[in-house]
Amino acid sequence: MFFLFIRHHIIKNLSKPFRTRIKISNLWRKEEESGGLVVTNCLSIYMPETLKEEALFILRVGHNNRWNIFNLFGLGT
C-alpha cells in the first residue's frame, strides 16, 4: 500500500458534510495558520497496490462534528 495525503484544493470537491467538517477541525485550522500547506493531514488515504488489498480512508474531524458524519451514514447512536 502507498499512503496519500490529499491536496488542499481537492477538499473543495468533497461533498458538503465532509468539506464542512474538515474545514472546522483543529488540524485544518493549524495547517491554515502555518501557511496553508500544500497537502492536508485531515483526509488521508491508504491505497492498495494490488486487487487483493483493501483501501483505508481516514477523515479527521472534531469530536462533536463526527456525530454529524455518523448520523449522515446512519451510524450514530
N, C-alpha and C. Protein backbone atom coordinates (compact mmCIF):
# COMPACT_ATOMS: atom_id res chain seq x y z
N MET A 1 0.83 -1.19 0.00
CA MET A 1 0.00 0.00 0.00
C MET A 1 0.87 1.25 0.00
N PHE A 2 0.40 2.26 -0.64
CA PHE A 2 1.08 3.54 -0.52
C PHE A 2 0.14 4.53 0.14
N PHE A 3 0.71 5.49 0.82
CA PHE A 3 -0.04 6.45 1.62
C PHE A 3 -0.18 7.74 0.83
N LEU A 4 -1.34 8.33 0.88
CA LEU A 4 -1.63 9.53 0.09
C LEU A 4 -2.26 10.60 0.97
N PHE A 5 -1.61 11.76 1.04
CA PHE A 5 -2.23 12.93 1.66
C PHE A 5 -3.05 13.61 0.58
N ILE A 6 -4.11 14.26 0.95
CA ILE A 6 -4.97 14.94 -0.01
C ILE A 6 -4.56 16.41 -0.13
N ARG A 7 -4.47 16.91 -1.32
CA ARG A 7 -4.12 18.32 -1.53
C ARG A 7 -5.28 19.21 -1.09
N HIS A 8 -4.93 20.38 -0.56
CA HIS A 8 -5.93 21.32 -0.04
C HIS A 8 -7.03 21.63 -1.05
N HIS A 9 -6.67 21.88 -2.30
CA HIS A 9 -7.68 22.28 -3.27
C HIS A 9 -8.67 21.16 -3.59
N ILE A 10 -8.31 19.91 -3.32
CA ILE A 10 -9.22 18.80 -3.58
C ILE A 10 -10.33 18.74 -2.53
N ILE A 11 -10.06 19.25 -1.34
CA ILE A 11 -11.07 19.26 -0.27
C ILE A 11 -12.32 20.00 -0.75
N LYS A 12 -12.14 21.03 -1.58
CA LYS A 12 -13.28 21.79 -2.09
C LYS A 12 -14.24 20.92 -2.90
N ASN A 13 -13.76 19.81 -3.45
CA ASN A 13 -14.58 18.94 -4.29
C ASN A 13 -15.35 17.88 -3.52
N LEU A 14 -15.09 17.76 -2.22
CA LEU A 14 -15.82 16.78 -1.42
C LEU A 14 -17.25 17.24 -1.20
N SER A 15 -18.10 16.32 -0.83
CA SER A 15 -19.48 16.69 -0.54
C SER A 15 -19.50 17.63 0.66
N LYS A 16 -20.54 18.43 0.74
CA LYS A 16 -20.61 19.48 1.76
C LYS A 16 -20.42 18.98 3.19
N PRO A 17 -21.04 17.88 3.61
CA PRO A 17 -20.84 17.45 5.00
C PRO A 17 -19.37 17.18 5.34
N PHE A 18 -18.65 16.53 4.44
CA PHE A 18 -17.24 16.24 4.68
C PHE A 18 -16.41 17.52 4.65
N ARG A 19 -16.62 18.31 3.63
CA ARG A 19 -15.87 19.55 3.45
C ARG A 19 -16.06 20.47 4.65
N THR A 20 -17.29 20.61 5.10
CA THR A 20 -17.59 21.49 6.22
C THR A 20 -16.90 21.01 7.49
N ARG A 21 -17.00 19.72 7.76
CA ARG A 21 -16.41 19.19 9.00
C ARG A 21 -14.90 19.24 8.98
N ILE A 22 -14.29 18.99 7.84
CA ILE A 22 -12.84 19.07 7.75
C ILE A 22 -12.37 20.49 8.02
N LYS A 23 -13.04 21.46 7.40
CA LYS A 23 -12.58 22.84 7.49
C LYS A 23 -12.76 23.46 8.87
N ILE A 24 -13.56 22.86 9.74
CA ILE A 24 -13.68 23.39 11.10
C ILE A 24 -12.91 22.54 12.10
N SER A 25 -12.16 21.55 11.62
CA SER A 25 -11.36 20.73 12.53
C SER A 25 -10.13 21.50 13.00
N ASN A 26 -9.65 21.15 14.18
CA ASN A 26 -8.46 21.80 14.72
C ASN A 26 -7.24 21.60 13.83
N LEU A 27 -7.08 20.40 13.28
CA LEU A 27 -5.93 20.12 12.44
C LEU A 27 -5.93 20.99 11.19
N TRP A 28 -7.09 21.16 10.58
CA TRP A 28 -7.19 22.03 9.39
C TRP A 28 -6.79 23.46 9.76
N ARG A 29 -7.33 23.94 10.88
CA ARG A 29 -7.02 25.31 11.31
C ARG A 29 -5.53 25.50 11.56
N LYS A 30 -4.90 24.52 12.21
CA LYS A 30 -3.46 24.62 12.47
C LYS A 30 -2.68 24.64 11.17
N GLU A 31 -3.10 23.84 10.20
CA GLU A 31 -2.42 23.83 8.91
C GLU A 31 -2.58 25.17 8.21
N GLU A 32 -3.78 25.74 8.26
CA GLU A 32 -4.03 27.04 7.64
C GLU A 32 -3.22 28.15 8.31
N GLU A 33 -3.14 28.11 9.65
CA GLU A 33 -2.40 29.12 10.39
C GLU A 33 -0.90 29.06 10.09
N SER A 34 -0.42 27.87 9.75
CA SER A 34 1.01 27.72 9.46
C SER A 34 1.33 28.00 7.99
N GLY A 35 0.38 28.57 7.28
CA GLY A 35 0.65 28.97 5.91
C GLY A 35 -0.10 28.18 4.86
N GLY A 36 -1.09 27.40 5.25
CA GLY A 36 -1.88 26.65 4.28
C GLY A 36 -1.03 25.67 3.50
N LEU A 37 -0.71 24.56 4.11
CA LEU A 37 0.16 23.57 3.49
C LEU A 37 -0.38 23.10 2.14
N VAL A 38 0.49 22.59 1.32
CA VAL A 38 0.09 22.08 0.01
C VAL A 38 -0.81 20.86 0.16
N VAL A 39 -0.55 20.06 1.19
CA VAL A 39 -1.39 18.89 1.46
C VAL A 39 -1.95 18.99 2.86
N THR A 40 -3.03 18.29 3.11
CA THR A 40 -3.65 18.31 4.42
C THR A 40 -3.59 16.92 5.06
N ASN A 41 -3.43 16.90 6.37
CA ASN A 41 -3.48 15.64 7.11
C ASN A 41 -4.89 15.32 7.58
N CYS A 42 -5.86 16.18 7.25
CA CYS A 42 -7.24 15.98 7.69
C CYS A 42 -7.91 14.84 6.93
N LEU A 43 -7.46 14.56 5.74
CA LEU A 43 -8.02 13.49 4.94
C LEU A 43 -6.85 12.70 4.37
N SER A 44 -6.76 11.43 4.72
CA SER A 44 -5.66 10.58 4.28
C SER A 44 -6.21 9.29 3.72
N ILE A 45 -5.53 8.74 2.75
CA ILE A 45 -5.98 7.50 2.12
C ILE A 45 -4.79 6.56 1.97
N TYR A 46 -4.97 5.32 2.38
CA TYR A 46 -4.02 4.26 2.08
C TYR A 46 -4.56 3.52 0.86
N MET A 47 -3.85 3.59 -0.23
CA MET A 47 -4.30 2.99 -1.47
C MET A 47 -3.63 1.63 -1.69
N PRO A 48 -4.41 0.63 -2.11
CA PRO A 48 -3.83 -0.69 -2.34
C PRO A 48 -2.98 -0.73 -3.60
N GLU A 49 -1.95 -1.56 -3.55
CA GLU A 49 -1.11 -1.74 -4.73
C GLU A 49 -1.58 -2.90 -5.59
N THR A 50 -2.36 -3.80 -5.00
CA THR A 50 -2.89 -4.94 -5.76
C THR A 50 -4.39 -5.04 -5.52
N LEU A 51 -5.06 -5.84 -6.35
CA LEU A 51 -6.51 -6.01 -6.21
C LEU A 51 -6.90 -6.78 -4.95
N LYS A 52 -5.97 -7.46 -4.33
CA LYS A 52 -6.28 -8.26 -3.14
C LYS A 52 -6.15 -7.47 -1.84
N GLU A 53 -5.69 -6.25 -1.92
CA GLU A 53 -5.54 -5.42 -0.73
C GLU A 53 -6.73 -4.47 -0.60
N GLU A 54 -6.92 -3.95 0.60
CA GLU A 54 -8.02 -3.03 0.86
C GLU A 54 -7.50 -1.60 1.01
N ALA A 55 -8.35 -0.66 0.71
CA ALA A 55 -8.01 0.75 0.90
C ALA A 55 -8.51 1.19 2.27
N LEU A 56 -7.86 2.19 2.84
CA LEU A 56 -8.25 2.74 4.13
C LEU A 56 -8.42 4.24 3.96
N PHE A 57 -9.55 4.75 4.37
CA PHE A 57 -9.90 6.16 4.23
C PHE A 57 -9.98 6.75 5.63
N ILE A 58 -9.18 7.78 5.93
CA ILE A 58 -9.16 8.40 7.26
C ILE A 58 -9.59 9.86 7.12
N LEU A 59 -10.63 10.21 7.84
CA LEU A 59 -11.14 11.57 7.86
C LEU A 59 -11.02 12.07 9.29
N ARG A 60 -10.28 13.15 9.50
CA ARG A 60 -10.10 13.69 10.85
C ARG A 60 -11.02 14.88 11.05
N VAL A 61 -11.94 14.74 11.99
CA VAL A 61 -12.87 15.81 12.34
C VAL A 61 -12.93 15.91 13.86
N GLY A 62 -13.49 17.01 14.33
CA GLY A 62 -13.62 17.21 15.76
C GLY A 62 -14.64 16.27 16.40
N HIS A 63 -14.59 16.15 17.71
CA HIS A 63 -15.46 15.24 18.47
C HIS A 63 -16.93 15.45 18.17
N ASN A 64 -17.40 16.68 18.30
CA ASN A 64 -18.83 16.94 18.09
C ASN A 64 -19.24 16.76 16.63
N ASN A 65 -18.35 17.10 15.72
CA ASN A 65 -18.67 17.01 14.30
C ASN A 65 -18.71 15.58 13.78
N ARG A 66 -18.02 14.69 14.45
CA ARG A 66 -18.04 13.29 13.99
C ARG A 66 -19.45 12.73 14.09
N TRP A 67 -20.21 13.16 15.07
CA TRP A 67 -21.58 12.65 15.22
C TRP A 67 -22.44 13.05 14.03
N ASN A 68 -22.20 14.24 13.50
CA ASN A 68 -22.95 14.66 12.30
C ASN A 68 -22.64 13.75 11.12
N ILE A 69 -21.38 13.39 10.96
CA ILE A 69 -20.99 12.48 9.88
C ILE A 69 -21.56 11.08 10.13
N PHE A 70 -21.46 10.61 11.37
CA PHE A 70 -22.00 9.28 11.71
C PHE A 70 -23.50 9.23 11.43
N ASN A 71 -24.20 10.27 11.84
CA ASN A 71 -25.64 10.31 11.62
C ASN A 71 -25.99 10.36 10.13
N LEU A 72 -25.18 11.04 9.36
CA LEU A 72 -25.38 11.12 7.91
C LEU A 72 -25.42 9.71 7.29
N PHE A 73 -24.56 8.82 7.80
CA PHE A 73 -24.50 7.46 7.30
C PHE A 73 -25.30 6.47 8.14
N GLY A 74 -26.06 6.99 9.10
CA GLY A 74 -26.87 6.10 9.94
C GLY A 74 -26.06 5.31 10.94
N LEU A 75 -24.89 5.83 11.33
CA LEU A 75 -24.02 5.12 12.26
C LEU A 75 -24.07 5.67 13.67
N GLY A 76 -24.79 6.79 13.87
CA GLY A 76 -24.86 7.40 15.19
C GLY A 76 -25.68 6.58 16.16
N THR A 77 -25.62 6.94 17.43
CA THR A 77 -26.36 6.19 18.44
C THR A 77 -27.78 6.72 18.58
